[in-house]
Structure formats: C-alpha cells, structure tokens
N, C-alpha and C. Protein backbone atom coordinates (compact mmCIF):
# COMPACT_ATOMS: atom_id res chain seq x y z
N MET A 1 -0.10 13.84 -16.96
CA MET A 1 -0.99 13.11 -18.00
C MET A 1 -1.19 11.77 -17.12
N ARG A 2 -2.55 11.67 -17.74
CA ARG A 2 -3.72 10.71 -16.59
C ARG A 2 -2.91 9.26 -16.50
N LEU A 3 -2.64 8.60 -15.49
CA LEU A 3 -3.08 6.99 -15.02
C LEU A 3 -3.05 6.06 -15.55
N ARG A 4 -3.10 5.50 -16.36
CA ARG A 4 -3.96 4.38 -16.90
C ARG A 4 -4.00 3.37 -15.78
N THR A 5 -5.50 3.54 -15.34
CA THR A 5 -5.47 2.38 -13.86
C THR A 5 -6.46 1.53 -14.07
N MET A 6 -5.90 -0.18 -13.23
CA MET A 6 -7.11 -0.88 -13.38
C MET A 6 -7.50 -0.61 -12.28
N ILE A 7 -8.73 -1.20 -11.85
CA ILE A 7 -9.18 -1.90 -10.63
C ILE A 7 -9.79 -3.08 -10.80
N VAL A 8 -9.42 -4.22 -9.75
CA VAL A 8 -9.32 -5.61 -9.24
C VAL A 8 -9.92 -5.96 -8.01
N ASP A 9 -11.17 -6.48 -8.30
CA ASP A 9 -11.89 -6.70 -6.54
C ASP A 9 -12.86 -8.01 -7.04
N ASP A 10 -12.90 -8.82 -6.57
CA ASP A 10 -13.92 -9.81 -6.45
C ASP A 10 -15.02 -9.04 -6.03
N GLU A 11 -15.63 -8.52 -5.35
CA GLU A 11 -16.92 -7.67 -5.15
C GLU A 11 -17.07 -6.47 -5.76
N GLU A 12 -18.55 -6.98 -6.30
CA GLU A 12 -18.65 -5.73 -7.46
C GLU A 12 -19.05 -4.57 -6.80
N LEU A 13 -19.73 -4.46 -5.51
CA LEU A 13 -19.86 -2.95 -4.52
C LEU A 13 -18.11 -2.49 -4.62
N ALA A 14 -17.30 -2.92 -4.05
CA ALA A 14 -16.11 -3.05 -4.07
C ALA A 14 -15.32 -1.66 -5.24
N VAL A 15 -15.62 -2.50 -6.61
CA VAL A 15 -15.73 -2.06 -7.75
C VAL A 15 -15.60 -0.60 -7.83
N GLU A 16 -17.24 -0.62 -7.53
CA GLU A 16 -17.83 0.61 -8.17
C GLU A 16 -17.91 1.85 -7.20
N ARG A 17 -17.33 1.49 -5.82
CA ARG A 17 -17.31 2.33 -4.56
C ARG A 17 -15.39 3.03 -5.37
N LEU A 18 -14.56 2.30 -5.51
CA LEU A 18 -13.55 2.84 -5.84
C LEU A 18 -13.70 3.72 -6.96
N LYS A 19 -13.58 2.68 -7.80
CA LYS A 19 -13.97 3.64 -9.52
C LYS A 19 -14.69 5.30 -8.99
N ILE A 20 -15.84 5.12 -8.12
CA ILE A 20 -16.34 6.25 -7.88
C ILE A 20 -15.26 7.00 -7.31
N MET A 21 -14.34 6.81 -6.17
CA MET A 21 -13.49 7.30 -5.41
C MET A 21 -12.47 8.14 -6.79
N LEU A 22 -11.98 7.25 -7.16
CA LEU A 22 -10.83 7.87 -8.15
C LEU A 22 -11.39 8.32 -9.13
N SER A 23 -12.48 8.71 -9.75
CA SER A 23 -12.82 9.53 -10.95
C SER A 23 -12.65 10.81 -10.11
N GLU A 24 -12.87 11.10 -8.64
CA GLU A 24 -12.52 12.53 -8.60
C GLU A 24 -11.73 13.24 -8.67
N PHE A 25 -10.24 12.13 -8.84
CA PHE A 25 -8.69 12.54 -9.20
C PHE A 25 -8.63 13.23 -10.66
N ASP A 26 -8.33 14.28 -11.31
CA ASP A 26 -7.81 14.22 -12.29
C ASP A 26 -6.60 13.73 -13.28
N GLU A 27 -5.83 12.79 -12.60
CA GLU A 27 -4.40 12.33 -12.59
C GLU A 27 -4.84 10.95 -12.80
N ILE A 28 -6.04 10.43 -12.32
CA ILE A 28 -6.83 8.67 -12.74
C ILE A 28 -7.38 8.59 -13.96
N GLU A 29 -7.19 8.38 -14.46
CA GLU A 29 -7.86 7.26 -16.26
C GLU A 29 -7.60 5.92 -16.13
N ILE A 30 -9.49 5.35 -15.36
CA ILE A 30 -9.93 4.47 -15.57
C ILE A 30 -9.91 3.60 -16.14
N VAL A 31 -9.29 2.16 -16.64
CA VAL A 31 -9.33 1.96 -17.96
C VAL A 31 -9.44 0.83 -18.28
N HIS A 32 -9.59 -0.21 -17.12
CA HIS A 32 -9.92 -1.50 -16.66
C HIS A 32 -10.57 -1.72 -15.36
N MET A 33 -11.86 -2.04 -15.84
CA MET A 33 -12.64 -2.92 -13.97
C MET A 33 -12.70 -4.32 -14.31
N THR A 34 -12.49 -5.25 -13.40
CA THR A 34 -12.79 -6.37 -13.17
C THR A 34 -12.86 -7.21 -11.52
N GLN A 35 -13.89 -7.91 -11.93
CA GLN A 35 -14.43 -8.87 -10.40
C GLN A 35 -13.04 -10.11 -10.62
N ASN A 36 -12.82 -10.24 -11.59
CA ASN A 36 -12.15 -11.50 -12.35
C ASN A 36 -9.98 -11.10 -12.35
N PRO A 37 -9.22 -11.63 -11.17
CA PRO A 37 -7.88 -11.23 -11.70
C PRO A 37 -7.30 -12.15 -12.61
N TRP A 38 -7.75 -13.06 -13.83
CA TRP A 38 -6.97 -13.84 -14.37
C TRP A 38 -7.22 -12.87 -15.88
N GLU A 39 -8.20 -12.23 -15.60
CA GLU A 39 -8.86 -11.59 -16.80
C GLU A 39 -7.93 -10.18 -16.70
N ALA A 40 -8.01 -9.46 -15.63
CA ALA A 40 -6.79 -8.68 -15.13
C ALA A 40 -5.57 -8.90 -15.93
N TYR A 41 -5.15 -10.08 -15.21
CA TYR A 41 -3.50 -10.06 -15.49
C TYR A 41 -3.50 -10.48 -17.64
N GLN A 42 -4.54 -10.78 -17.79
CA GLN A 42 -4.84 -11.13 -19.51
C GLN A 42 -4.81 -9.55 -20.29
N TYR A 43 -5.34 -8.68 -19.21
CA TYR A 43 -5.30 -7.28 -19.82
C TYR A 43 -4.13 -6.78 -20.05
N ALA A 44 -3.43 -6.98 -18.88
CA ALA A 44 -2.05 -6.02 -18.27
C ALA A 44 -1.16 -6.72 -20.01
N LYS A 45 -1.54 -7.90 -20.03
CA LYS A 45 -0.07 -8.58 -21.16
C LYS A 45 -0.58 -8.51 -22.38
N GLU A 46 -1.89 -7.60 -22.71
CA GLU A 46 -2.52 -6.79 -23.70
C GLU A 46 -2.21 -5.37 -23.73
N ARG A 47 -2.40 -4.93 -22.92
CA ARG A 47 -2.07 -3.51 -22.83
C ARG A 47 -1.42 -2.66 -21.92
N ARG A 48 -1.43 -1.15 -22.12
CA ARG A 48 -0.28 -0.67 -21.39
C ARG A 48 -0.83 -0.53 -19.93
N LEU A 49 -0.44 -0.57 -18.58
CA LEU A 49 -1.11 -0.12 -17.34
C LEU A 49 -0.11 0.89 -16.81
N GLU A 50 -0.36 1.64 -15.72
CA GLU A 50 0.45 2.39 -14.64
C GLU A 50 0.05 2.10 -13.60
N LEU A 51 -1.20 2.42 -13.16
CA LEU A 51 -1.32 2.29 -12.04
C LEU A 51 -2.73 0.84 -11.81
N ALA A 52 -2.67 -0.02 -10.99
CA ALA A 52 -3.53 -1.15 -10.43
C ALA A 52 -3.76 -0.92 -8.78
N PHE A 53 -5.32 -1.01 -8.87
CA PHE A 53 -5.87 -1.19 -7.13
C PHE A 53 -6.10 -2.63 -7.51
N LEU A 54 -5.80 -3.59 -6.58
CA LEU A 54 -5.93 -4.84 -6.09
C LEU A 54 -6.51 -5.58 -4.89
N ASP A 55 -7.62 -5.96 -4.88
CA ASP A 55 -7.83 -6.58 -3.60
C ASP A 55 -7.14 -7.58 -3.66
N ILE A 56 -6.72 -8.07 -2.23
CA ILE A 56 -5.51 -9.20 -1.54
C ILE A 56 -6.45 -10.63 -1.99
N SER A 57 -7.66 -10.83 -0.96
CA SER A 57 -8.50 -12.13 -0.91
C SER A 57 -9.77 -12.37 -2.26
N MET A 58 -8.61 -13.02 -2.63
CA MET A 58 -9.72 -13.30 -4.02
C MET A 58 -9.44 -14.76 -4.26
N PRO A 59 -11.09 -15.09 -4.94
CA PRO A 59 -10.72 -16.86 -5.54
C PRO A 59 -9.85 -16.72 -6.32
N GLU A 60 -9.26 -18.20 -6.42
CA GLU A 60 -8.20 -19.03 -8.24
C GLU A 60 -7.07 -17.98 -7.99
N LEU A 61 -6.84 -16.90 -7.98
CA LEU A 61 -5.69 -15.88 -8.18
C LEU A 61 -5.75 -14.96 -6.88
N ASP A 62 -5.39 -14.89 -5.96
CA ASP A 62 -4.73 -13.61 -4.38
C ASP A 62 -4.82 -12.38 -5.56
N GLY A 63 -4.27 -11.64 -4.72
CA GLY A 63 -4.43 -10.46 -5.20
C GLY A 63 -2.55 -10.14 -5.30
N LEU A 64 -2.04 -11.22 -3.87
CA LEU A 64 -0.67 -11.18 -4.33
C LEU A 64 0.10 -11.44 -5.35
N ARG A 65 -0.38 -12.45 -5.72
CA ARG A 65 0.51 -13.34 -6.54
C ARG A 65 0.08 -13.02 -8.32
N LEU A 66 -1.52 -12.00 -7.69
CA LEU A 66 -1.67 -11.10 -9.33
C LEU A 66 -0.39 -9.95 -9.43
N ALA A 67 -0.26 -9.35 -8.23
CA ALA A 67 0.66 -8.32 -8.11
C ALA A 67 2.13 -8.85 -8.50
N SER A 68 2.67 -10.09 -8.19
CA SER A 68 4.31 -10.40 -8.67
C SER A 68 3.78 -10.77 -10.11
N LEU A 69 2.75 -11.15 -10.29
CA LEU A 69 2.32 -11.18 -12.29
C LEU A 69 2.21 -10.09 -13.21
N LEU A 70 2.05 -9.21 -12.84
CA LEU A 70 1.92 -7.91 -12.97
C LEU A 70 3.04 -6.94 -12.85
N GLY A 71 4.00 -7.46 -12.31
CA GLY A 71 5.55 -7.21 -12.29
C GLY A 71 6.26 -7.97 -13.16
N GLU A 72 6.48 -8.65 -13.63
CA GLU A 72 6.80 -9.85 -14.35
C GLU A 72 6.26 -9.11 -16.09
N ILE A 73 5.26 -8.88 -15.36
CA ILE A 73 4.73 -8.29 -16.90
C ILE A 73 5.18 -7.13 -17.44
N ASP A 74 5.00 -6.15 -16.24
CA ASP A 74 5.84 -4.57 -16.81
C ASP A 74 6.28 -4.07 -15.05
N PRO A 75 7.17 -3.97 -15.15
CA PRO A 75 7.70 -3.65 -13.57
C PRO A 75 7.57 -1.84 -12.94
N ASP A 76 7.32 -1.66 -14.01
CA ASP A 76 7.37 0.47 -13.48
C ASP A 76 4.98 0.01 -13.06
N ILE A 77 4.24 -1.06 -13.29
CA ILE A 77 3.06 -0.71 -12.91
C ILE A 77 3.41 -0.21 -11.46
N ARG A 78 2.30 0.62 -11.00
CA ARG A 78 2.50 1.12 -9.81
C ARG A 78 1.10 -0.05 -9.28
N ILE A 79 1.63 -0.53 -8.31
CA ILE A 79 0.57 -1.95 -7.17
C ILE A 79 0.09 -1.29 -5.96
N VAL A 80 -1.30 -1.00 -5.53
CA VAL A 80 -1.69 -0.34 -5.00
C VAL A 80 -2.63 -1.50 -4.19
N PHE A 81 -2.75 -2.12 -3.06
CA PHE A 81 -3.60 -3.19 -2.26
C PHE A 81 -4.50 -2.32 -1.39
N ALA A 82 -5.69 -2.45 -1.65
CA ALA A 82 -6.99 -1.71 -1.24
C ALA A 82 -7.65 -3.06 -0.80
N THR A 83 -7.70 -3.49 0.55
CA THR A 83 -8.19 -4.41 1.44
C THR A 83 -9.16 -4.32 3.25
N GLY A 84 -9.44 -5.62 3.24
CA GLY A 84 -9.41 -5.39 4.20
C GLY A 84 -9.01 -6.25 5.42
N TYR A 85 -7.47 -6.85 5.52
CA TYR A 85 -6.83 -7.62 6.01
C TYR A 85 -5.64 -6.74 5.99
N GLU A 86 -5.37 -6.59 7.19
CA GLU A 86 -3.75 -6.21 7.60
C GLU A 86 -2.54 -7.31 7.37
N GLU A 87 -3.06 -8.70 8.17
CA GLU A 87 -2.02 -9.48 8.06
C GLU A 87 -0.83 -9.60 7.20
N TYR A 88 -1.24 -9.02 5.97
CA TYR A 88 -0.45 -9.09 4.29
C TYR A 88 -0.29 -7.94 4.40
N ALA A 89 0.56 -7.04 5.42
CA ALA A 89 1.18 -5.87 4.98
C ALA A 89 2.65 -6.23 4.50
N VAL A 90 3.21 -7.20 5.26
CA VAL A 90 4.71 -7.60 4.97
C VAL A 90 4.87 -8.06 3.44
N ARG A 91 4.08 -8.79 3.84
CA ARG A 91 3.82 -9.66 1.86
C ARG A 91 4.29 -8.31 1.28
N ALA A 92 3.42 -6.84 1.11
CA ALA A 92 2.94 -6.27 0.24
C ALA A 92 3.97 -5.62 0.25
N PHE A 93 4.86 -5.21 1.01
CA PHE A 93 5.86 -4.58 0.85
C PHE A 93 7.00 -5.00 0.44
N GLU A 94 6.75 -6.35 0.91
CA GLU A 94 8.04 -7.39 -0.21
C GLU A 94 7.87 -6.94 -1.44
N LEU A 95 7.31 -7.20 -2.11
CA LEU A 95 6.02 -6.80 -3.43
C LEU A 95 6.36 -5.52 -4.34
N SER A 96 7.43 -4.87 -3.34
CA SER A 96 7.42 -3.43 -3.54
C SER A 96 6.06 -2.88 -4.20
N ALA A 97 4.63 -2.48 -3.58
CA ALA A 97 3.84 -2.03 -3.76
C ALA A 97 3.87 -0.59 -3.72
N LEU A 98 3.33 0.16 -3.72
CA LEU A 98 3.46 1.26 -4.00
C LEU A 98 2.55 1.81 -2.94
N ASP A 99 1.42 0.73 -2.36
CA ASP A 99 0.99 1.50 -1.11
C ASP A 99 -0.20 0.26 -1.01
N TYR A 100 -0.64 0.59 0.30
CA TYR A 100 -1.56 -0.34 1.11
C TYR A 100 -2.71 -0.01 1.66
N VAL A 101 -3.86 -0.10 1.19
CA VAL A 101 -4.73 1.06 2.45
C VAL A 101 -6.01 -0.26 3.06
N MET A 102 -6.46 0.56 3.68
CA MET A 102 -7.36 -0.44 4.21
C MET A 102 -8.50 -0.13 4.04
N LYS A 103 -9.62 -1.27 3.88
CA LYS A 103 -11.06 -0.86 2.92
C LYS A 103 -11.31 -0.68 4.76
N PRO A 104 -12.60 0.39 5.17
CA PRO A 104 -13.53 1.14 3.62
C PRO A 104 -12.16 2.34 3.34
N VAL A 105 -12.00 2.49 1.84
CA VAL A 105 -10.80 3.55 1.58
C VAL A 105 -11.41 4.99 1.79
N THR A 106 -10.61 5.99 2.76
CA THR A 106 -11.48 7.38 2.17
C THR A 106 -10.75 7.87 1.46
N ALA A 107 -11.44 8.87 1.04
CA ALA A 107 -10.79 9.93 -0.05
C ALA A 107 -9.30 11.00 0.95
N GLY A 108 -9.74 10.83 1.68
CA GLY A 108 -7.97 11.53 2.69
C GLY A 108 -7.16 10.16 2.31
N ARG A 109 -7.58 9.28 2.72
CA ARG A 109 -6.45 8.43 2.35
C ARG A 109 -5.90 7.68 0.90
N MET A 110 -7.12 8.15 0.05
CA MET A 110 -6.50 8.00 -1.39
C MET A 110 -5.43 9.02 -2.18
N SER A 111 -6.16 10.35 -1.16
CA SER A 111 -5.34 11.67 -1.16
C SER A 111 -3.54 11.08 -1.30
N LEU A 112 -3.69 10.75 -0.25
CA LEU A 112 -1.73 10.36 0.08
C LEU A 112 -1.76 9.78 -1.10
N VAL A 113 -2.41 8.20 -1.48
CA VAL A 113 -1.58 7.57 -2.34
C VAL A 113 -1.50 8.54 -3.80
N LEU A 114 -2.12 9.52 -4.06
CA LEU A 114 -1.99 10.39 -4.74
C LEU A 114 -0.62 11.05 -5.16
N ASP A 115 -0.46 11.48 -3.84
CA ASP A 115 0.60 12.75 -2.86
C ASP A 115 2.12 11.88 -3.31
N LYS A 116 1.87 10.76 -3.15
CA LYS A 116 3.03 9.93 -3.15
C LYS A 116 4.00 9.49 -4.87
N ILE A 117 2.23 9.41 -5.21
CA ILE A 117 2.71 8.87 -6.75
C ILE A 117 3.47 10.56 -7.67
N ARG A 118 3.05 11.85 -6.52
CA ARG A 118 3.51 12.77 -7.07
C ARG A 118 5.02 12.85 -7.36
N ARG A 119 4.90 12.69 -5.40
CA ARG A 119 6.10 12.82 -4.97
C ARG A 119 8.01 12.11 -5.44
N ARG A 120 6.86 10.96 -6.18
CA ARG A 120 7.65 9.81 -7.06
C ARG A 120 8.26 10.47 -7.89
N ASP A 121 6.85 11.02 -9.00
CA ASP A 121 7.41 11.40 -10.23
C ASP A 121 8.14 12.83 -10.02
N ARG A 122 8.23 13.25 -9.07
CA ARG A 122 9.01 14.42 -9.13
C ARG A 122 10.87 14.13 -8.94
N LYS A 123 10.56 12.81 -8.56
CA LYS A 123 12.16 12.56 -8.24
C LYS A 123 12.67 12.54 -9.31
N ALA A 124 11.68 11.06 -10.19
CA ALA A 124 11.85 10.69 -11.42
C ALA A 124 12.76 11.50 -11.95
N ASN A 125 12.25 12.62 -12.22
CA ASN A 125 11.78 13.93 -13.48
C ASN A 125 13.33 14.73 -13.14
N ASP A 126 13.31 14.79 -11.71
CA ASP A 126 14.58 15.61 -11.19
C ASP A 126 16.14 14.53 -11.08
N GLY A 127 15.80 13.83 -11.56
CA GLY A 127 17.50 13.07 -11.54
C GLY A 127 17.36 12.34 -9.75
N SER A 128 16.82 13.04 -9.12
CA SER A 128 16.96 12.45 -7.40
C SER A 128 16.40 11.73 -6.96
N PHE A 129 16.17 10.36 -7.64
CA PHE A 129 15.39 9.30 -7.75
C PHE A 129 15.86 8.22 -7.31
N ARG A 130 15.84 7.63 -6.01
CA ARG A 130 16.98 6.65 -5.39
C ARG A 130 16.17 5.44 -5.42
N PRO A 131 16.37 3.86 -5.73
CA PRO A 131 15.76 2.63 -5.98
C PRO A 131 16.18 2.52 -4.47
N GLY A 132 14.58 1.26 -4.51
CA GLY A 132 14.22 1.12 -2.93
C GLY A 132 15.62 0.29 -2.65
N PRO A 133 15.17 0.06 -0.88
CA PRO A 133 16.37 -1.03 -0.39
C PRO A 133 16.50 -2.00 -0.92
N SER A 134 17.82 -3.13 -0.67
CA SER A 134 17.49 -4.71 -1.18
C SER A 134 16.74 -5.08 -0.15
N PRO A 135 16.24 -6.24 -1.59
CA PRO A 135 15.37 -6.94 -0.24
C PRO A 135 15.13 -7.23 0.88
N SER A 136 16.79 -7.69 0.86
CA SER A 136 17.48 -7.92 2.60
C SER A 136 17.01 -7.22 3.63
N ASN A 137 16.47 -6.05 3.61
CA ASN A 137 15.85 -4.35 4.24
C ASN A 137 14.52 -4.92 4.82
N VAL A 138 13.63 -5.28 3.54
CA VAL A 138 12.43 -5.32 3.73
C VAL A 138 12.32 -6.61 4.66
N ARG A 139 12.79 -8.07 3.99
CA ARG A 139 12.84 -9.27 4.64
C ARG A 139 12.35 -9.06 6.21
N THR A 140 13.22 -7.89 6.77
CA THR A 140 14.16 -8.04 8.01
C THR A 140 12.34 -7.84 8.99
N LEU A 141 11.49 -6.83 8.57
CA LEU A 141 10.09 -7.05 9.03
C LEU A 141 9.31 -8.40 9.45
N SER A 142 9.66 -8.81 8.37
CA SER A 142 8.81 -9.85 8.37
C SER A 142 9.50 -11.46 9.17
N GLU A 143 10.71 -10.83 9.41
CA GLU A 143 11.64 -12.29 9.86
C GLU A 143 11.46 -11.88 11.66
N GLY A 144 11.17 -10.69 11.89
CA GLY A 144 10.89 -10.95 13.51
C GLY A 144 11.34 -9.58 13.77
N MET A 145 11.58 -9.14 13.15
CA MET A 145 12.38 -7.36 13.65
C MET A 145 11.00 -6.82 14.37
N LEU A 146 10.02 -6.58 13.73
CA LEU A 146 8.56 -6.13 14.19
C LEU A 146 7.49 -7.16 14.80
N THR A 147 7.04 -6.72 15.25
CA THR A 147 6.06 -8.04 15.42
C THR A 147 4.31 -7.88 14.45
N GLU A 148 3.79 -8.58 14.56
CA GLU A 148 2.40 -8.49 14.07
C GLU A 148 1.98 -7.23 14.33
N GLN A 149 1.42 -7.31 15.78
CA GLN A 149 0.97 -6.36 16.31
C GLN A 149 1.58 -4.67 16.17
N GLU A 150 2.76 -5.04 16.42
CA GLU A 150 3.62 -3.65 16.07
C GLU A 150 3.46 -3.22 14.51
N MET A 151 3.18 -3.91 13.70
CA MET A 151 3.48 -3.50 12.30
C MET A 151 2.06 -2.77 12.44
N ARG A 152 0.87 -3.39 12.65
CA ARG A 152 -0.68 -3.13 12.56
C ARG A 152 -0.92 -1.60 13.16
N VAL A 153 -0.12 -1.21 14.47
CA VAL A 153 0.32 -0.44 14.86
C VAL A 153 0.99 0.82 13.76
N MET A 154 2.31 0.25 13.26
CA MET A 154 2.89 1.65 12.78
C MET A 154 1.85 1.72 10.78
N LEU A 155 1.39 0.54 10.89
CA LEU A 155 0.51 1.25 9.89
C LEU A 155 -0.83 1.98 9.85
N LEU A 156 -1.57 2.03 11.23
CA LEU A 156 -2.33 2.88 11.85
C LEU A 156 -1.84 4.36 12.04
N VAL A 157 -0.35 4.39 11.97
CA VAL A 157 0.10 5.62 12.73
C VAL A 157 0.29 6.26 11.20
N PHE A 158 0.83 5.31 9.76
CA PHE A 158 0.76 5.93 8.63
C PHE A 158 -0.45 6.48 8.23
N GLU A 159 -1.64 6.30 8.78
CA GLU A 159 -2.78 6.64 7.93
C GLU A 159 -3.53 7.75 9.17
N GLY A 160 -2.47 8.56 10.19
CA GLY A 160 -2.62 9.77 10.67
C GLY A 160 -3.26 9.70 12.23
N LEU A 161 -3.47 8.55 12.12
CA LEU A 161 -4.28 8.47 13.33
C LEU A 161 -3.74 8.09 15.04
N SER A 162 -3.87 9.13 15.65
CA SER A 162 -3.91 8.98 17.32
C SER A 162 -3.50 7.89 17.79
N ASN A 163 -2.77 8.46 19.10
CA ASN A 163 -2.58 6.88 19.60
C ASN A 163 -3.67 6.33 20.53
N LYS A 164 -4.58 7.19 20.56
CA LYS A 164 -5.94 6.84 21.12
C LYS A 164 -7.16 6.08 19.87
N GLU A 165 -7.04 6.61 18.64
CA GLU A 165 -7.86 6.13 17.92
C GLU A 165 -7.51 5.10 17.24
N ILE A 166 -5.91 4.34 17.25
CA ILE A 166 -5.63 3.05 17.54
C ILE A 166 -5.59 2.52 18.19
N ALA A 167 -6.04 2.75 19.32
CA ALA A 167 -6.48 1.81 20.33
C ALA A 167 -7.65 1.34 20.48
N ALA A 168 -8.54 2.17 19.72
CA ALA A 168 -10.22 1.98 19.46
C ALA A 168 -9.80 1.23 17.97
N ARG A 169 -9.38 1.33 17.09
CA ARG A 169 -9.46 0.47 16.05
C ARG A 169 -9.14 -0.83 16.52
N LEU A 170 -8.04 -1.20 17.45
CA LEU A 170 -6.95 -2.29 17.51
C LEU A 170 -7.98 -2.76 18.79
N ASN A 171 -8.87 -2.26 19.29
CA ASN A 171 -9.51 -2.60 20.67
C ASN A 171 -8.53 -3.23 21.73
N ILE A 172 -7.64 -2.08 21.93
CA ILE A 172 -6.67 -2.53 23.49
C ILE A 172 -6.10 -1.19 23.84
N ALA A 173 -5.75 -1.10 24.76
CA ALA A 173 -5.71 0.12 25.80
C ALA A 173 -4.39 1.35 24.83
N ALA A 174 -4.61 2.11 25.50
CA ALA A 174 -4.08 3.70 24.71
C ALA A 174 -2.14 3.22 25.55
N GLU A 175 -2.22 2.95 26.37
CA GLU A 175 -1.26 2.22 27.57
C GLU A 175 -0.34 1.03 26.32
N THR A 176 -1.32 0.42 26.21
CA THR A 176 -0.49 -0.81 25.34
C THR A 176 0.23 -0.41 23.84
N VAL A 177 -1.03 0.78 23.10
CA VAL A 177 0.15 1.39 21.82
C VAL A 177 1.05 1.96 22.54
N LYS A 178 1.58 2.80 23.00
CA LYS A 178 2.18 3.92 23.45
C LYS A 178 3.02 2.65 23.64
N TRP A 179 3.61 1.71 24.09
CA TRP A 179 4.37 0.56 24.34
C TRP A 179 4.66 -0.04 23.13
N HIS A 180 3.67 0.40 22.13
CA HIS A 180 4.05 -0.73 21.03
C HIS A 180 4.72 0.31 20.07
N MET A 181 4.57 1.28 19.86
CA MET A 181 5.37 2.57 19.40
C MET A 181 6.74 2.70 19.97
N LYS A 182 6.92 2.51 21.52
CA LYS A 182 8.27 2.51 22.42
C LYS A 182 8.72 1.77 21.81
N ASN A 183 8.39 0.38 21.05
CA ASN A 183 9.16 -0.92 20.98
C ASN A 183 10.04 -0.63 19.08
N VAL A 184 8.68 -0.01 18.52
CA VAL A 184 9.06 0.54 16.88
C VAL A 184 9.76 1.36 16.89
N TYR A 185 9.77 2.30 17.51
CA TYR A 185 11.36 3.68 18.06
C TYR A 185 12.30 2.76 17.85
N ARG A 186 12.37 1.71 19.16
CA ARG A 186 13.95 1.52 19.59
C ARG A 186 14.14 0.44 18.51
N LYS A 187 13.63 -0.33 17.60
CA LYS A 187 13.97 -0.89 16.58
C LYS A 187 14.57 -1.03 15.35
N LEU A 188 13.88 0.23 15.01
CA LEU A 188 14.23 1.07 14.27
C LEU A 188 14.38 2.35 13.87
N ASP A 189 15.14 2.20 15.32
CA ASP A 189 16.42 3.66 15.67
C ASP A 189 15.68 5.08 14.99
N VAL A 190 14.85 5.28 15.97
CA VAL A 190 13.87 6.67 15.74
C VAL A 190 13.19 6.98 16.86
N SER A 191 12.43 8.63 17.12
CA SER A 191 12.45 8.89 18.14
C SER A 191 11.16 9.87 17.88
N ASN A 192 10.43 9.56 17.09
CA ASN A 192 9.17 9.98 17.33
C ASN A 192 8.86 9.72 15.53
N ARG A 193 7.31 10.54 15.74
CA ARG A 193 6.36 10.06 14.31
C ARG A 193 7.15 10.57 12.77
N VAL A 194 7.78 11.97 12.55
CA VAL A 194 7.96 11.97 11.39
C VAL A 194 9.33 11.53 11.09
N GLN A 195 10.49 11.01 12.30
CA GLN A 195 11.41 10.09 11.66
C GLN A 195 10.87 8.50 11.51
N LEU A 196 9.64 8.41 11.82
CA LEU A 196 9.24 6.82 11.70
C LEU A 196 8.69 7.07 9.92
N LEU A 197 7.95 8.03 9.76
CA LEU A 197 8.24 7.91 8.10
C LEU A 197 8.97 8.31 7.38
N ARG A 198 9.82 9.06 7.72
CA ARG A 198 11.12 9.22 7.15
C ARG A 198 11.85 7.68 7.59
N ARG A 199 11.48 6.87 8.24
CA ARG A 199 12.76 5.94 8.60
C ARG A 199 11.69 4.73 7.82
N ALA A 200 10.59 4.39 7.30
CA ALA A 200 9.68 3.80 6.30
C ALA A 200 9.94 4.11 4.79
N GLU A 201 9.92 5.38 4.60
CA GLU A 201 10.50 5.45 3.16
C GLU A 201 11.96 4.61 3.28
N GLN A 202 12.99 5.44 3.45
CA GLN A 202 14.27 4.28 3.42
C GLN A 202 13.96 3.01 3.23
N LEU A 203 12.88 2.05 3.93
CA LEU A 203 13.02 0.64 4.04
C LEU A 203 12.22 0.35 2.93
N HIS A 204 11.42 0.98 2.25
CA HIS A 204 10.42 1.19 0.99
C HIS A 204 9.13 0.70 1.89
N ILE A 205 8.88 0.81 2.88
CA ILE A 205 7.47 0.76 3.80
C ILE A 205 6.72 1.26 3.46
N THR A 206 5.40 1.43 2.88
CA THR A 206 5.04 2.41 1.99
C THR A 206 3.40 2.96 2.94
N PHE A 207 3.05 4.10 2.93
CA PHE A 207 2.45 4.59 3.66
C PHE A 207 1.17 5.56 3.34
C-alpha cells in the first residue's frame, strides 16, 4: 500500500525537488504539496495523511508547531523534517519525528527514511513493535546529556559520514571529532557506531 504523503516547504524550489525525489519511490503517493503551513494543517484536518515532509523555518507557522498540530489530528502521521537547520534536531526528536534529514536531501538519505518506515511497519505487523521511550528519556538529551556540537556530530554519524567527512562538514579538526565521539560513547554507554545506532533507536533518536 502506498503512503499518502504531503510536502510542506515555503520555498517552491524545495517542494519541487522533494517531489521529484519522492516520485522515484513506489511506496510514496504524493497527495498534497504546499508552501503554506496553515493550508497543510487544514488539508490534514479534512483528508487522511500517512506521511508528511516538513521544513522547519517557515513564516507564521514553523514546522515544529505544524508537526505538533498534525499529531493532534492523527498521532499516526509519520513526520520527517527536511531542513537546513541542525539546531532543531533535539526538539524534533521530542516530537517523535520519524526522521530528521538535512538539505540538500540525497536519494541515498531518502532511501534510509523509507527503510525505517519498512522496518517499523514490519515490527507493527508481526507484533514485535514496542513504543518509544518515555519523553523523559528523550528530554535528557536536550537538558545537557549531549552538547549541541555532540548532537551535530552524532547526526552526521547517522548519515553515514566518516570522522574526516564530519570534520570537513563542521569545519573542525578530525581529532576534535574523535574527542566528541568519545564523549558521546561515554554519555550513551556505548563503545562503537553500531551500538550507538542501537542506543539511538532505544532513545527514539531517529537517523
């Protein structure tokens, strides 16, 4: 069954780019595209949605607030934030977003989003799905468990970047990346990237 999908971004070019990319996936049925978040909200009130791709920085109604409103309409709507702002990641996790992807979104990164949906659907269908952790588990990240820079590094790890690539993206030294990763491992009680990904799933940190 195809997922009834909505795209919301105040930039027309961003909407078109995402539409073209999503059209390559058989699971996706794009039912609505808009640059107006209030129009998106009204659409969701009147029609069934299963997946929404939201920009965050939008006038009048930002994507985080829109996600919260969509959750009030139907908590089963999957939310994916597609944005150029890493600093909103923790707040997105607190809203139980399915994923948080950085612009420009690549086809490879989008494939990971669809893979996550497939995994969760399989768990739900075979009865092994377990709800995410309590909000307190997620809040620990925003209350100082990880620094903002550690969060940025971890998000880039989730995108599959090497330490060298992370250093180039953040304009810091590779040794600094290693230091941040050491702190992330210690704070989340893991010892390698595989364990970090598993721990992220337990904490409902999407990647």
